[in-house]
Amino acid sequence: MSTTVYSNAPRIDIPEPAADAVDLRSAMRLFPTGVALLCTGSGERAVGMTINALMSVSLTPPRILVSVLNTARAHPVLCDSRSFAVHLLSDRQAATAGLFASRDKPLGTALEAAVERDVLPVALATLRCSVEQIVQAGDHSLFLAHVDSIGHGADDGEPLVFHRGIIGTKIK
């Protein structure tokens, strides 16, 4: 495969090395993304996970897409429930993002209580969504979802970001 420069200049062919998982992860760490908490299920099946693979797909109708690792604890619950909430985390929620990225995250009713107590009051916004389509994409599943409702939260915070493997507020 080669790269072509489009202009009046002569064609320049630059060989591209084959991409692998390590190279892709290394490259994608250079691209800053927002950090969010995805929650799905209810009662004892409630689970949450920190995500950064989230994008707006359509404004009319309102749709977003999230990407979830097929082996993630939340994956089968999300497939069964076909609904979720995404909390857009603020700069004051780095510890929350870290907790939900760990194996020690709260589950079930403890998760529901933690979201009410620690997440909702400080999150920038919450999107409640219904899954419309699930697409298998390698080691992840893409969940295309209709945004059913949006709750705006803290309006004095800045977004939490993931960049170069670090969750924080500043891009370096």
C-alpha atoms as a PDB file:
ATOM      1  CA  MET A   1       0.000   0.000   0.000  1.00  0.00           C
ATOM      2  CA  SER A   2       1.266   3.482  -0.744  1.00  0.00           C
ATOM      3  CA  THR A   3       0.378   7.088  -0.004  1.00  0.00           C
ATOM      4  CA  THR A   4      -0.231   9.480  -2.879  1.00  0.00           C
ATOM      5  CA  VAL A   5       0.191  13.243  -2.589  1.00  0.00           C
ATOM      6  CA  TYR A   6      -2.438  15.056  -4.702  1.00  0.00           C
ATOM      7  CA  SER A   7      -1.080  18.254  -6.241  1.00  0.00           C
ATOM      8  CA  ASN A   8       0.912  19.363  -9.221  1.00  0.00           C
ATOM      9  CA  ALA A   9       3.938  17.659  -7.689  1.00  0.00           C
ATOM     10  CA  PRO A  10       5.048  14.285  -8.979  1.00  0.00           C
ATOM     11  CA  ARG A  11       3.598  11.170  -7.333  1.00  0.00           C
ATOM     12  CA  ILE A  12       5.472  10.021  -4.251  1.00  0.00           C
ATOM     13  CA  ASP A  13       5.084   6.423  -3.094  1.00  0.00           C
ATOM     14  CA  ILE A  14       5.856   5.800   0.567  1.00  0.00           C
ATOM     15  CA  PRO A  15       5.693   2.179   1.690  1.00  0.00           C
ATOM     16  CA  GLU A  16       3.555   1.681   4.778  1.00  0.00           C
ATOM     17  CA  PRO A  17       4.452  -0.891   7.424  1.00  0.00           C
ATOM     18  CA  ALA A  18       1.848  -3.466   8.392  1.00  0.00           C
ATOM     19  CA  ALA A  19      -0.236  -2.426  11.404  1.00  0.00           C
ATOM     20  CA  ASP A  20      -0.612  -4.627  14.465  1.00  0.00           C
ATOM     21  CA  ALA A  21      -2.480  -4.254  17.773  1.00  0.00           C
ATOM     22  CA  VAL A  22       0.508  -2.732  19.585  1.00  0.00           C
ATOM     23  CA  ASP A  23       1.073  -0.141  16.846  1.00  0.00           C
ATOM     24  CA  LEU A  24      -2.614   0.756  16.706  1.00  0.00           C
ATOM     25  CA  ARG A  25      -2.882   1.191  20.482  1.00  0.00           C
ATOM     26  CA  SER A  26       0.276   3.303  20.458  1.00  0.00           C
ATOM     27  CA  ALA A  27      -1.071   5.535  17.682  1.00  0.00           C
ATOM     28  CA  MET A  28      -4.559   5.900  19.168  1.00  0.00           C
ATOM     29  CA  ARG A  29      -3.123   7.011  22.532  1.00  0.00           C
ATOM     30  CA  LEU A  30      -2.018  10.160  20.701  1.00  0.00           C
ATOM     31  CA  PHE A  31      -5.625  11.055  19.865  1.00  0.00           C
ATOM     32  CA  PRO A  32      -7.370  12.710  22.836  1.00  0.00           C
ATOM     33  CA  THR A  33     -10.872  11.496  23.649  1.00  0.00           C
ATOM     34  CA  GLY A  34     -13.496  12.271  26.234  1.00  0.00           C
ATOM     35  CA  VAL A  35     -14.045   9.885  29.139  1.00  0.00           C
ATOM     36  CA  ALA A  36     -17.465   8.568  30.105  1.00  0.00           C
ATOM     37  CA  LEU A  37     -19.082   6.012  32.374  1.00  0.00           C
ATOM     38  CA  LEU A  38     -21.389   3.492  30.695  1.00  0.00           C
ATOM     39  CA  CYS A  39     -23.961   1.823  32.968  1.00  0.00           C
ATOM     40  CA  THR A  40     -26.312  -0.962  31.937  1.00  0.00           C
ATOM     41  CA  GLY A  41     -28.560  -3.527  33.583  1.00  0.00           C
ATOM     42  CA  SER A  42     -30.519  -3.080  36.790  1.00  0.00           C
ATOM     43  CA  GLY A  43     -30.714  -4.486  40.289  1.00  0.00           C
ATOM     44  CA  GLU A  44     -28.130  -7.177  40.895  1.00  0.00           C
ATOM     45  CA  ARG A  45     -27.202  -7.234  37.173  1.00  0.00           C
ATOM     46  CA  ALA A  46     -26.232  -3.539  37.085  1.00  0.00           C
ATOM     47  CA  VAL A  47     -22.702  -2.996  35.755  1.00  0.00           C
ATOM     48  CA  GLY A  48     -20.637   0.021  34.777  1.00  0.00           C
ATOM     49  CA  MET A  49     -17.437   0.619  32.901  1.00  0.00           C
ATOM     50  CA  THR A  50     -15.229   3.535  31.926  1.00  0.00           C
ATOM     51  CA  ILE A  51     -15.275   4.159  28.171  1.00  0.00           C
ATOM     52  CA  ASN A  52     -13.630   6.489  25.722  1.00  0.00           C
ATOM     53  CA  ALA A  53     -14.894   4.922  22.482  1.00  0.00           C
ATOM     54  CA  LEU A  54     -18.050   7.011  22.124  1.00  0.00           C
ATOM     55  CA  MET A  55     -19.266   9.134  19.253  1.00  0.00           C
ATOM     56  CA  SER A  56     -22.278  11.065  18.069  1.00  0.00           C
ATOM     57  CA  VAL A  57     -23.648   9.433  14.915  1.00  0.00           C
ATOM     58  CA  SER A  58     -26.747  11.456  14.068  1.00  0.00           C
ATOM     59  CA  LEU A  59     -28.564  14.514  15.413  1.00  0.00           C
ATOM     60  CA  THR A  60     -31.863  13.665  13.690  1.00  0.00           C
ATOM     61  CA  PRO A  61     -32.755  11.145  14.935  1.00  0.00           C
ATOM     62  CA  PRO A  62     -30.403  11.407  17.911  1.00  0.00           C
ATOM     63  CA  ARG A  63     -27.985   8.465  17.831  1.00  0.00           C
ATOM     64  CA  ILE A  64     -24.651   7.582  19.400  1.00  0.00           C
ATOM     65  CA  LEU A  65     -22.281   4.663  19.063  1.00  0.00           C
ATOM     66  CA  VAL A  66     -20.231   3.011  21.796  1.00  0.00           C
ATOM     67  CA  SER A  67     -17.600   0.319  21.409  1.00  0.00           C
ATOM     68  CA  VAL A  68     -17.315  -2.389  24.087  1.00  0.00           C
ATOM     69  CA  LEU A  69     -14.740  -5.175  24.350  1.00  0.00           C
ATOM     70  CA  ASN A  70     -16.436  -8.543  23.770  1.00  0.00           C
ATOM     71  CA  THR A  71     -14.952  -9.973  26.986  1.00  0.00           C
ATOM     72  CA  ALA A  72     -15.952  -6.994  29.178  1.00  0.00           C
ATOM     73  CA  ARG A  73     -18.207  -7.822  32.130  1.00  0.00           C
ATOM     74  CA  ALA A  74     -20.757  -5.294  30.825  1.00  0.00           C
ATOM     75  CA  HIS A  75     -20.941  -6.820  27.321  1.00  0.00           C
ATOM     76  CA  PRO A  76     -23.473  -9.636  27.934  1.00  0.00           C
ATOM     77  CA  VAL A  77     -25.587  -7.411  30.196  1.00  0.00           C
ATOM     78  CA  LEU A  78     -25.677  -4.703  27.535  1.00  0.00           C
ATOM     79  CA  CYS A  79     -26.624  -7.273  24.870  1.00  0.00           C
ATOM     80  CA  ASP A  80     -29.477  -8.557  27.072  1.00  0.00           C
ATOM     81  CA  SER A  81     -30.799  -5.248  28.395  1.00  0.00           C
ATOM     82  CA  ARG A  82     -30.396  -3.361  25.100  1.00  0.00           C
ATOM     83  CA  SER A  83     -30.325  -0.090  27.034  1.00  0.00           C
ATOM     84  CA  PHE A  84     -27.688   1.961  28.803  1.00  0.00           C
ATOM     85  CA  ALA A  85     -26.803   5.330  30.243  1.00  0.00           C
ATOM     86  CA  VAL A  86     -23.647   7.234  29.365  1.00  0.00           C
ATOM     87  CA  HIS A  87     -22.427   9.782  31.902  1.00  0.00           C
ATOM     88  CA  LEU A  88     -20.011  12.312  30.380  1.00  0.00           C
ATOM     89  CA  LEU A  89     -17.451  12.722  33.150  1.00  0.00           C
ATOM     90  CA  SER A  90     -16.125  16.050  34.358  1.00  0.00           C
ATOM     91  CA  ASP A  91     -12.628  17.034  35.420  1.00  0.00           C
ATOM     92  CA  ARG A  92     -13.621  16.303  39.041  1.00  0.00           C
ATOM     93  CA  GLN A  93     -14.291  12.628  38.278  1.00  0.00           C
ATOM     94  CA  ALA A  94     -10.852  11.193  37.492  1.00  0.00           C
ATOM     95  CA  ALA A  95     -11.105   8.911  40.552  1.00  0.00           C
ATOM     96  CA  THR A  96     -14.523   7.691  39.366  1.00  0.00           C
ATOM     97  CA  ALA A  97     -13.090   6.910  35.922  1.00  0.00           C
ATOM     98  CA  GLY A  98     -10.218   5.026  37.554  1.00  0.00           C
ATOM     99  CA  LEU A  99     -12.556   3.059  39.799  1.00  0.00           C
ATOM    100  CA  PHE A 100     -14.785   1.957  36.925  1.00  0.00           C
ATOM    101  CA  ALA A 101     -11.739   1.007  34.837  1.00  0.00           C
ATOM    102  CA  SER A 102     -10.573  -1.340  37.630  1.00  0.00           C
ATOM    103  CA  ARG A 103     -11.668  -4.811  38.681  1.00  0.00           C
ATOM    104  CA  ASP A 104     -12.891  -3.383  42.015  1.00  0.00           C
ATOM    105  CA  LYS A 105     -15.778  -1.408  40.513  1.00  0.00           C
ATOM    106  CA  PRO A 106     -19.131  -1.487  42.303  1.00  0.00           C
ATOM    107  CA  LEU A 107     -21.784  -3.828  40.895  1.00  0.00           C
ATOM    108  CA  GLY A 108     -25.521  -4.318  41.337  1.00  0.00           C
ATOM    109  CA  THR A 109     -27.279  -2.116  43.832  1.00  0.00           C
ATOM    110  CA  ALA A 110     -23.930  -0.753  45.062  1.00  0.00           C
ATOM    111  CA  LEU A 111     -23.344   0.563  41.538  1.00  0.00           C
ATOM    112  CA  GLU A 112     -26.754   2.201  41.410  1.00  0.00           C
ATOM    113  CA  ALA A 113     -26.107   3.924  44.756  1.00  0.00           C
ATOM    114  CA  ALA A 114     -22.629   5.077  43.657  1.00  0.00           C
ATOM    115  CA  VAL A 115     -24.032   6.577  40.444  1.00  0.00           C
ATOM    116  CA  GLU A 116     -26.715   8.478  42.354  1.00  0.00           C
ATOM    117  CA  ARG A 117     -24.256   9.690  45.002  1.00  0.00           C
ATOM    118  CA  ASP A 118     -20.989  10.257  43.122  1.00  0.00           C
ATOM    119  CA  VAL A 119     -21.638  10.422  39.375  1.00  0.00           C
ATOM    120  CA  LEU A 120     -24.857  12.270  38.612  1.00  0.00           C
ATOM    121  CA  PRO A 121     -24.191  15.398  40.714  1.00  0.00           C
ATOM    122  CA  VAL A 122     -20.873  16.133  38.981  1.00  0.00           C
ATOM    123  CA  ALA A 123     -21.214  14.610  35.473  1.00  0.00           C
ATOM    124  CA  LEU A 124     -21.468  17.071  32.600  1.00  0.00           C
ATOM    125  CA  ALA A 125     -24.414  15.237  31.020  1.00  0.00           C
ATOM    126  CA  THR A 126     -26.207  11.894  31.024  1.00  0.00           C
ATOM    127  CA  LEU A 127     -27.567  10.246  27.872  1.00  0.00           C
ATOM    128  CA  ARG A 128     -30.114   7.440  28.297  1.00  0.00           C
ATOM    129  CA  CYS A 129     -30.110   5.200  25.249  1.00  0.00           C
ATOM    130  CA  SER A 130     -31.824   2.219  23.604  1.00  0.00           C
ATOM    131  CA  VAL A 131     -29.715  -0.135  21.498  1.00  0.00           C
ATOM    132  CA  GLU A 132     -30.906  -0.330  17.897  1.00  0.00           C
ATOM    133  CA  GLN A 133     -28.139  -2.414  16.357  1.00  0.00           C
ATOM    134  CA  ILE A 134     -25.111  -4.429  17.460  1.00  0.00           C
ATOM    135  CA  VAL A 135     -22.243  -4.881  15.013  1.00  0.00           C
ATOM    136  CA  GLN A 136     -19.417  -7.334  15.679  1.00  0.00           C
ATOM    137  CA  ALA A 137     -16.092  -5.665  14.869  1.00  0.00           C
ATOM    138  CA  GLY A 138     -13.097  -7.825  15.719  1.00  0.00           C
ATOM    139  CA  ASP A 139     -12.592  -8.044  19.482  1.00  0.00           C
ATOM    140  CA  HIS A 140     -15.244  -5.354  20.143  1.00  0.00           C
ATOM    141  CA  SER A 141     -18.955  -4.876  19.533  1.00  0.00           C
ATOM    142  CA  LEU A 142     -20.337  -1.585  18.285  1.00  0.00           C
ATOM    143  CA  PHE A 143     -23.625  -0.578  19.886  1.00  0.00           C
ATOM    144  CA  LEU A 144     -25.617   1.880  17.767  1.00  0.00           C
ATOM    145  CA  ALA A 145     -28.198   3.443  20.046  1.00  0.00           C
ATOM    146  CA  HIS A 146     -31.058   5.933  19.973  1.00  0.00           C
ATOM    147  CA  VAL A 147     -30.680   8.690  22.562  1.00  0.00           C
ATOM    148  CA  ASP A 148     -33.986   8.597  24.460  1.00  0.00           C
ATOM    149  CA  SER A 149     -33.256  11.419  26.894  1.00  0.00           C
ATOM    150  CA  ILE A 150     -30.506  13.803  27.911  1.00  0.00           C
ATOM    151  CA  GLY A 151     -29.924  15.208  31.368  1.00  0.00           C
ATOM    152  CA  HIS A 152     -27.574  18.140  31.702  1.00  0.00           C
ATOM    153  CA  GLY A 153     -25.498  18.136  34.844  1.00  0.00           C
ATOM    154  CA  ALA A 154     -22.704  20.269  36.227  1.00  0.00           C
ATOM    155  CA  ASP A 155     -22.177  23.302  34.041  1.00  0.00           C
ATOM    156  CA  ASP A 156     -19.082  24.536  35.833  1.00  0.00           C
ATOM    157  CA  GLY A 157     -16.839  21.586  35.035  1.00  0.00           C
ATOM    158  CA  GLU A 158     -14.476  20.781  32.201  1.00  0.00           C
ATOM    159  CA  PRO A 159     -14.480  17.458  30.349  1.00  0.00           C
ATOM    160  CA  LEU A 160     -12.324  14.594  31.562  1.00  0.00           C
ATOM    161  CA  VAL A 161      -9.993  13.444  28.765  1.00  0.00           C
ATOM    162  CA  PHE A 162      -7.860  10.423  27.924  1.00  0.00           C
ATOM    163  CA  HIS A 163      -4.574  11.207  26.168  1.00  0.00           C
ATOM    164  CA  ARG A 164      -1.273   9.338  25.960  1.00  0.00           C
ATOM    165  CA  GLY A 165      -2.590   6.708  28.364  1.00  0.00           C
ATOM    166  CA  ILE A 166      -3.475   9.247  31.052  1.00  0.00           C
ATOM    167  CA  ILE A 167      -6.909  10.252  32.308  1.00  0.00           C
ATOM    168  CA  GLY A 168      -6.866  13.934  33.200  1.00  0.00           C
ATOM    169  CA  THR A 169      -7.915  17.411  32.211  1.00  0.00           C
ATOM    170  CA  LYS A 170      -4.982  18.721  30.213  1.00  0.00           C
ATOM    171  CA  ILE A 171      -3.720  17.580  26.847  1.00  0.00           C
ATOM    172  CA  LYS A 172       0.074  17.470  26.793  1.00  0.00           C
END
